[in-house]
């Protein structure tokens, strides 16, 4: 696989990327880690709108699924500026009123880094992960984070600064709770969470007011992960970045008893961070990137063995996202280390 790159914008410390559909159109968006804006682009990569100027600290962007196209709602983390500056972090949502994008508070959740929405049996739930719970000094990791959950209503506008969504802790004692991957199977969705303690599978209740399930499926320190069937045998493999913001890329396969390593990249990739999984022309592909030294972006796939195709170098992606534009296979990346928002056309 190869890629043709087009830089579409400069955004200081660009970080999160997502699709945002409204007014009958698909859009691409990119938001910043620091106190900077969130921009909207059309599918050609032209900037067409600004959702907000600040305060930034955006680790996750997610369109709320229970609204109509002419009534869009975008959820985002806010004020997570770094692991050392995120005590005021929260989850917010943006609505449009009289042509203006308005920020509303969903919940205060200090050190919230990733979140997502899962669905089962017609019920929707928020899963949110806090990187830690508190700190007394820079790089203090002595207070572990948690996985938090809550049921979501059809109308998210019921929540505000005065009436915040109440979450409950599902799993506590998780150090460097960083990775988040939404998966789907058997007609429902669940998430994998990557921590220093390992990878946790979090499954929503089978029925309303039922019990959640959380289990550690791999006890290897994991910064982030994907769960895809790379070798095409009908069973998913677990691709992980290890340890937290680490330099090792590996693939694990379930042998019937436990996940065991079947591939480890010989090259060290310092500060692995960008990650996205997709099916590209019938093949499961992992897009991964690192933010130090050579700052590369790869497409990882299986062809009798694991192959890593270099798509870009020198840019330093924080996050990336695959999408289709007509018959074109595309990738958008927030290249944080070079402040560039870029799109890549992929050729298999």
Protein backbone atom coordinates (compact mmCIF):
# COMPACT_ATOMS: atom_id res chain seq x y z
CA UNK A 1 0.00 0.00 0.00
CA UNK A 2 1.18 3.51 -0.76
CA UNK A 3 -0.27 6.96 -0.15
CA UNK A 4 -0.41 10.37 -1.79
CA UNK A 5 -0.40 13.13 0.82
CA UNK A 6 -2.12 16.50 0.84
CA UNK A 7 -1.65 18.93 3.75
CA UNK A 8 -4.98 20.71 4.17
CA UNK A 9 -4.33 22.95 7.18
CA UNK A 10 -1.98 24.10 9.93
CA UNK A 11 -3.35 23.70 13.46
CA UNK A 12 -1.14 24.09 16.52
CA UNK A 13 -0.78 20.73 18.30
CA UNK A 14 -3.61 19.20 16.25
CA UNK A 15 -4.75 16.02 17.94
CA UNK A 16 -8.25 14.54 17.52
CA UNK A 17 -9.90 13.78 14.16
CA UNK A 18 -13.38 12.53 13.29
CA UNK A 19 -16.24 12.62 10.81
CA UNK A 20 -19.18 14.89 11.59
CA UNK A 21 -22.32 14.60 9.47
CA UNK A 22 -24.86 17.42 9.30
CA UNK A 23 -26.99 19.34 6.79
CA UNK A 24 -26.97 16.31 4.54
CA UNK A 25 -23.19 16.47 4.12
CA UNK A 26 -20.20 14.54 5.46
CA UNK A 27 -17.44 16.59 7.06
CA UNK A 28 -13.99 16.01 8.48
CA UNK A 29 -12.99 17.72 11.72
CA UNK A 30 -9.75 18.23 13.60
CA UNK A 31 -9.32 19.61 17.11
CA UNK A 32 -6.28 20.66 19.12
CA UNK A 33 -4.59 19.35 22.23
CA UNK A 34 -3.72 22.83 23.46
CA UNK A 35 -5.79 26.02 23.66
CA UNK A 36 -6.62 26.14 19.97
CA UNK A 37 -9.60 25.73 17.62
CA UNK A 38 -11.58 22.87 16.14
CA UNK A 39 -11.97 23.17 12.37
CA UNK A 40 -14.44 21.64 9.91
CA UNK A 41 -13.47 20.59 6.38
CA UNK A 42 -15.42 19.39 3.39
CA UNK A 43 -14.42 16.09 1.82
CA UNK A 44 -12.00 17.89 -0.49
CA UNK A 45 -10.11 19.15 2.55
CA UNK A 46 -11.22 22.78 2.37
CA UNK A 47 -11.82 24.46 5.73
CA UNK A 48 -15.45 25.59 5.84
CA UNK A 49 -16.26 26.23 9.50
CA UNK A 50 -14.88 26.66 13.02
CA UNK A 51 -16.73 24.75 15.71
CA UNK A 52 -14.90 26.50 18.54
CA UNK A 53 -11.85 28.67 19.20
CA UNK A 54 -11.04 27.07 22.56
CA UNK A 55 -10.41 26.03 25.26
CA UNK A 56 -9.05 22.92 23.52
CA UNK A 57 -7.58 19.95 25.36
CA UNK A 58 -9.51 17.64 23.01
CA UNK A 59 -8.54 13.97 23.20
CA UNK A 60 -11.75 12.48 21.74
CA UNK A 61 -14.42 13.60 19.27
CA UNK A 62 -17.66 11.64 18.82
CA UNK A 63 -20.93 12.42 17.05
CA UNK A 64 -23.96 11.72 19.21
CA UNK A 65 -25.95 8.99 17.42
CA UNK A 66 -29.46 9.76 18.70
CA UNK A 67 -30.12 12.98 16.78
CA UNK A 68 -31.35 13.89 13.32
CA UNK A 69 -29.14 15.18 10.51
CA UNK A 70 -30.55 18.71 10.83
CA UNK A 71 -29.98 18.68 14.60
CA UNK A 72 -26.32 17.62 14.97
CA UNK A 73 -24.61 17.06 18.31
CA UNK A 74 -20.85 16.62 18.69
CA UNK A 75 -19.32 15.30 21.91
CA UNK A 76 -15.73 16.06 22.94
CA UNK A 77 -13.30 15.93 25.78
CA UNK A 78 -12.18 19.35 26.94
CA UNK A 79 -9.30 20.74 29.00
CA UNK A 80 -7.14 17.61 28.88
CA UNK A 81 -3.99 19.50 27.94
CA UNK A 82 -1.52 16.78 28.99
CA UNK A 83 -1.25 14.02 31.62
CA UNK A 84 0.14 16.72 33.91
CA UNK A 85 -2.54 19.30 33.16
CA UNK A 86 -5.96 17.68 33.04
CA UNK A 87 -7.49 17.99 36.52
CA UNK A 88 -10.23 20.21 35.03
CA UNK A 89 -11.03 17.86 32.15
CA UNK A 90 -14.65 17.20 31.27
CA UNK A 91 -16.91 15.85 28.54
CA UNK A 92 -18.90 18.47 26.67
CA UNK A 93 -21.28 18.47 23.73
CA UNK A 94 -21.86 21.08 21.05
CA UNK A 95 -25.22 21.99 19.55
CA UNK A 96 -26.09 24.54 16.89
CA UNK A 97 -28.41 27.40 17.73
CA UNK A 98 -29.19 30.13 15.21
CA UNK A 99 -26.15 29.17 13.19
CA UNK A 100 -23.77 29.27 16.17
CA UNK A 101 -22.10 26.28 17.84
CA UNK A 102 -22.83 26.29 21.57
CA UNK A 103 -20.83 24.39 24.21
CA UNK A 104 -22.76 22.44 26.86
CA UNK A 105 -21.28 20.46 29.76
CA UNK A 106 -22.23 16.78 29.94
CA UNK A 107 -20.13 15.91 32.98
CA UNK A 108 -17.01 16.89 34.87
CA UNK A 109 -14.53 14.03 34.77
CA UNK A 110 -10.97 14.96 35.80
CA UNK A 111 -8.25 13.27 33.71
CA UNK A 112 -10.75 11.88 31.17
CA UNK A 113 -8.79 10.92 28.08
CA UNK A 114 -10.95 8.67 25.90
CA UNK A 115 -14.66 7.91 25.68
CA UNK A 116 -17.13 6.30 23.32
CA UNK A 117 -20.74 5.24 22.90
CA UNK A 118 -21.78 1.58 22.77
CA UNK A 119 -25.18 0.09 21.98
CA UNK A 120 -26.87 -3.15 22.98
CA UNK A 121 -30.51 -4.25 22.82
CA UNK A 122 -31.55 -0.77 21.72
CA UNK A 123 -29.92 0.95 24.71
CA UNK A 124 -27.00 3.37 24.43
CA UNK A 125 -24.23 3.82 26.97
CA UNK A 126 -21.26 6.08 27.56
CA UNK A 127 -17.92 4.45 28.41
CA UNK A 128 -15.29 6.94 29.61
CA UNK A 129 -11.75 6.33 30.79
CA UNK A 130 -9.67 8.45 33.15
CA UNK A 131 -5.90 8.30 32.70
CA UNK A 132 -5.33 8.76 36.44
CA UNK A 133 -7.34 10.10 39.40
CA UNK A 134 -5.06 12.76 40.90
CA UNK A 135 -1.44 13.84 41.11
CA UNK A 136 0.73 15.81 43.49
CA UNK A 137 3.61 16.64 41.12
CA UNK A 138 4.65 16.35 37.48
CA UNK A 139 4.62 12.79 36.11
CA UNK A 140 3.00 11.48 39.29
CA UNK A 141 1.28 8.17 38.43
CA UNK A 142 0.57 6.95 41.96
CA UNK A 143 -3.21 7.53 41.73
CA UNK A 144 -4.71 5.09 39.19
CA UNK A 145 -7.58 5.83 36.84
CA UNK A 146 -10.91 4.16 36.20
CA UNK A 147 -13.39 3.03 33.59
CA UNK A 148 -16.69 4.88 34.02
CA UNK A 149 -20.10 4.05 32.51
CA UNK A 150 -23.56 5.59 32.24
CA UNK A 151 -26.76 5.01 30.26
CA UNK A 152 -27.48 7.73 27.71
CA UNK A 153 -30.89 9.30 26.97
CA UNK A 154 -32.36 9.97 23.54
CA UNK A 155 -32.11 13.70 24.24
CA UNK A 156 -28.68 14.62 25.54
CA UNK A 157 -29.85 18.21 26.02
CA UNK A 158 -31.30 17.16 29.36
CA UNK A 159 -27.77 17.63 30.73
CA UNK A 160 -26.00 20.89 31.40
CA UNK A 161 -23.68 22.68 33.80
CA UNK A 162 -26.55 22.67 36.31
CA UNK A 163 -27.64 19.07 35.70
CA UNK A 164 -24.64 16.88 34.84
CA UNK A 165 -24.72 13.24 33.79
CA UNK A 166 -23.89 10.92 36.67
CA UNK A 167 -21.42 8.14 35.88
CA UNK A 168 -20.52 5.10 37.96
CA UNK A 169 -17.08 3.49 38.20
CA UNK A 170 -16.88 0.05 36.62
CA UNK A 171 -13.18 -0.79 37.02
CA UNK A 172 -10.73 0.97 39.35
CA UNK A 173 -7.00 0.70 39.96
CA UNK A 174 -5.98 1.14 36.30
CA UNK A 175 -2.61 2.81 35.71
CA UNK A 176 -1.94 4.87 32.56
CA UNK A 177 -5.47 4.18 31.31
CA UNK A 178 -4.87 5.42 27.75
CA UNK A 179 -6.09 3.10 24.96
CA UNK A 180 -9.66 2.83 23.68
CA UNK A 181 -11.03 0.72 20.84
CA UNK A 182 -14.71 0.25 19.98
CA UNK A 183 -15.60 -3.16 18.54
CA UNK A 184 -18.78 -4.75 17.19
CA UNK A 185 -19.97 -8.35 17.01
CA UNK A 186 -23.13 -10.40 17.50
CA UNK A 187 -25.29 -7.31 16.95
CA UNK A 188 -23.89 -5.14 19.74
CA UNK A 189 -20.82 -3.03 20.49
CA UNK A 190 -18.23 -3.14 23.27
CA UNK A 191 -14.86 -1.54 23.95
CA UNK A 192 -11.31 -2.61 24.64
CA UNK A 193 -9.37 -0.43 27.07
CA UNK A 194 -5.57 -0.36 27.13
CA UNK A 195 -3.78 0.22 30.44
CA UNK A 196 -0.53 -0.49 32.23
CA UNK A 197 -2.44 -3.38 33.84
CA UNK A 198 -3.28 -4.86 30.44
CA UNK A 199 -6.19 -4.91 27.98
CA UNK A 200 -9.75 -4.94 29.35
CA UNK A 201 -12.86 -5.96 27.44
CA UNK A 202 -15.88 -3.92 28.58
CA UNK A 203 -19.31 -5.24 27.55
CA UNK A 204 -22.60 -3.39 28.15
CA UNK A 205 -25.64 -5.08 29.72
CA UNK A 206 -27.64 -7.57 27.66
CA UNK A 207 -30.80 -5.83 28.86
CA UNK A 208 -31.74 -2.50 30.37
CA UNK A 209 -30.57 -2.16 33.99
CA UNK A 210 -28.55 -5.33 33.63
CA UNK A 211 -24.98 -5.97 34.67
CA UNK A 212 -21.86 -4.75 32.89
CA UNK A 213 -18.97 -7.11 32.31
CA UNK A 214 -15.28 -6.20 32.40
CA UNK A 215 -12.44 -8.68 32.09
CA UNK A 216 -8.70 -8.46 31.50
CA UNK A 217 -8.00 -10.42 28.31
CA UNK A 218 -4.25 -9.64 28.08
CA UNK A 219 -1.97 -8.81 31.01
CA UNK A 220 0.64 -6.96 28.91
CA UNK A 221 1.07 -3.18 29.46
CA UNK A 222 -0.77 -1.60 26.53
CA UNK A 223 -0.93 1.98 25.32
CA UNK A 224 -3.49 1.28 22.60
CA UNK A 225 -4.85 -1.64 20.59
CA UNK A 226 -6.99 -2.91 17.71
CA UNK A 227 -8.98 -6.14 17.40
CA UNK A 228 -9.23 -7.40 13.80
CA UNK A 229 -8.95 -10.62 11.81
CA UNK A 230 -5.70 -9.84 10.00
CA UNK A 231 -4.86 -13.36 8.78
CA UNK A 232 -8.39 -14.13 7.57
CA UNK A 233 -8.93 -17.31 9.59
CA UNK A 234 -12.19 -16.09 11.12
CA UNK A 235 -10.67 -15.24 14.51
CA UNK A 236 -9.65 -11.74 15.53
CA UNK A 237 -6.08 -10.89 16.50
CA UNK A 238 -5.08 -8.29 19.06
CA UNK A 239 -2.62 -5.68 17.80
CA UNK A 240 -1.08 -3.65 20.61
CA UNK A 241 1.26 -0.73 21.20
CA UNK A 242 3.34 -1.28 24.32
CA UNK A 243 3.97 0.05 26.93
CA UNK A 244 2.38 3.48 27.60
CA UNK A 245 3.49 5.80 24.77
CA UNK A 246 5.96 3.02 24.06
CA UNK A 247 8.01 1.80 21.10
CA UNK A 248 6.89 -1.81 20.56
CA UNK A 249 4.25 -2.96 18.09
CA UNK A 250 3.04 -6.55 18.43
CA UNK A 251 0.20 -8.87 17.41
CA UNK A 252 -1.34 -11.49 19.73
CA UNK A 253 -3.52 -14.43 18.76
CA UNK A 254 -5.84 -16.47 20.97
CA UNK A 255 -4.62 -20.09 21.04
CA UNK A 256 -7.80 -21.24 22.76
CA UNK A 257 -6.52 -20.57 26.25
CA UNK A 258 -4.87 -17.16 26.11
CA UNK A 259 -3.52 -14.52 23.76
CA UNK A 260 0.04 -15.35 22.67
CA UNK A 261 2.41 -13.22 20.56
CA UNK A 262 2.64 -14.10 16.85
CA UNK A 263 4.39 -10.97 15.56
CA UNK A 264 6.63 -8.29 17.04
CA UNK A 265 7.97 -5.46 14.91
CA UNK A 266 11.78 -5.59 15.04
CA UNK A 267 12.06 -1.84 14.55
CA UNK A 268 11.48 0.29 17.63
CA UNK A 269 8.96 3.06 17.03
CA UNK A 270 9.31 5.63 19.85
CA UNK A 271 6.09 7.21 21.15
CA UNK A 272 3.61 5.04 19.27
CA UNK A 273 0.29 6.83 19.26
CA UNK A 274 -1.81 7.11 16.08
CA UNK A 275 -3.97 4.03 15.53
CA UNK A 276 -7.02 3.10 13.43
CA UNK A 277 -8.36 -0.17 12.07
CA UNK A 278 -10.34 -0.60 8.85
CA UNK A 279 -11.26 -3.03 6.12
CA UNK A 280 -9.63 -1.72 2.95
CA UNK A 281 -10.77 -3.47 -0.24
CA UNK A 282 -11.48 -6.70 1.61
CA UNK A 283 -8.34 -6.72 3.76
CA UNK A 284 -8.09 -5.84 7.45
CA UNK A 285 -5.54 -3.05 7.90
CA UNK A 286 -4.13 -1.27 10.95
CA UNK A 287 -2.91 2.28 10.45
CA UNK A 288 -0.35 3.20 13.09
CA UNK A 289 2.07 6.09 13.64
CA UNK A 290 4.69 7.29 16.09
CA UNK A 291 5.62 10.76 17.29
CA UNK A 292 9.37 10.65 17.95
CA UNK A 293 12.56 10.13 15.92
CA UNK A 294 11.46 9.21 12.37
CA UNK A 295 7.79 10.05 13.10
CA UNK A 296 6.37 7.51 10.68
CA UNK A 297 2.92 6.40 9.52
CA UNK A 298 2.37 2.77 8.50
CA UNK A 299 -0.30 0.49 7.10
CA UNK A 300 -0.01 -2.93 8.78
CA UNK A 301 -1.61 -5.96 7.13
CA UNK A 302 -1.15 -9.69 6.64
CA UNK A 303 0.18 -11.31 3.46
CA UNK A 304 1.55 -14.69 4.52
CA UNK A 305 3.18 -12.73 7.33
CA UNK A 306 2.76 -9.28 8.80
CA UNK A 307 3.71 -6.45 6.44
CA UNK A 308 4.30 -2.80 7.35
CA UNK A 309 3.94 -0.39 4.42
CA UNK A 310 5.41 3.07 5.03
CA UNK A 311 2.91 5.79 4.11
CA UNK A 312 4.66 8.91 5.45
CA UNK A 313 7.68 9.96 7.49
CA UNK A 314 8.69 13.04 9.46
CA UNK A 315 5.17 14.21 10.31
CA UNK A 316 4.48 12.66 13.73
CA UNK A 317 0.78 11.68 13.77
CA UNK A 318 -1.15 11.82 17.04
CA UNK A 319 -4.30 10.29 15.55
CA UNK A 320 -5.63 9.12 12.21
CA UNK A 321 -8.93 7.92 10.71
CA UNK A 322 -9.77 5.92 7.60
CA UNK A 323 -12.78 6.89 5.50
CA UNK A 324 -14.22 6.34 2.04
CA UNK A 325 -14.73 9.25 -0.35
CA UNK A 326 -16.71 7.78 -3.22
CA UNK A 327 -14.54 4.95 -4.49
CA UNK A 328 -11.37 6.42 -2.97
CA UNK A 329 -9.72 4.99 0.14
CA UNK A 330 -8.65 7.90 2.35
CA UNK A 331 -6.94 8.61 5.65
CA UNK A 332 -6.96 11.84 7.65
CA UNK A 333 -4.20 12.40 10.19
CA UNK A 334 -3.52 15.03 12.82
CA UNK A 335 0.26 15.32 12.56
CA UNK A 336 0.77 16.91 15.96
CA UNK A 337 4.57 17.17 15.83
CA UNK A 338 4.42 19.28 12.65
CA UNK A 339 1.09 21.04 13.33
CA UNK A 340 -0.33 19.79 10.03
CA UNK A 341 -3.72 18.31 9.25
CA UNK A 342 -3.26 16.02 6.26
CA UNK A 343 -5.31 13.69 4.10
CA UNK A 344 -3.85 10.70 2.28
CA UNK A 345 -5.28 8.89 -0.72
CA UNK A 346 -4.43 5.22 -0.36
CA UNK A 347 -3.52 2.89 -3.22
CA UNK A 348 -3.57 -0.84 -2.60
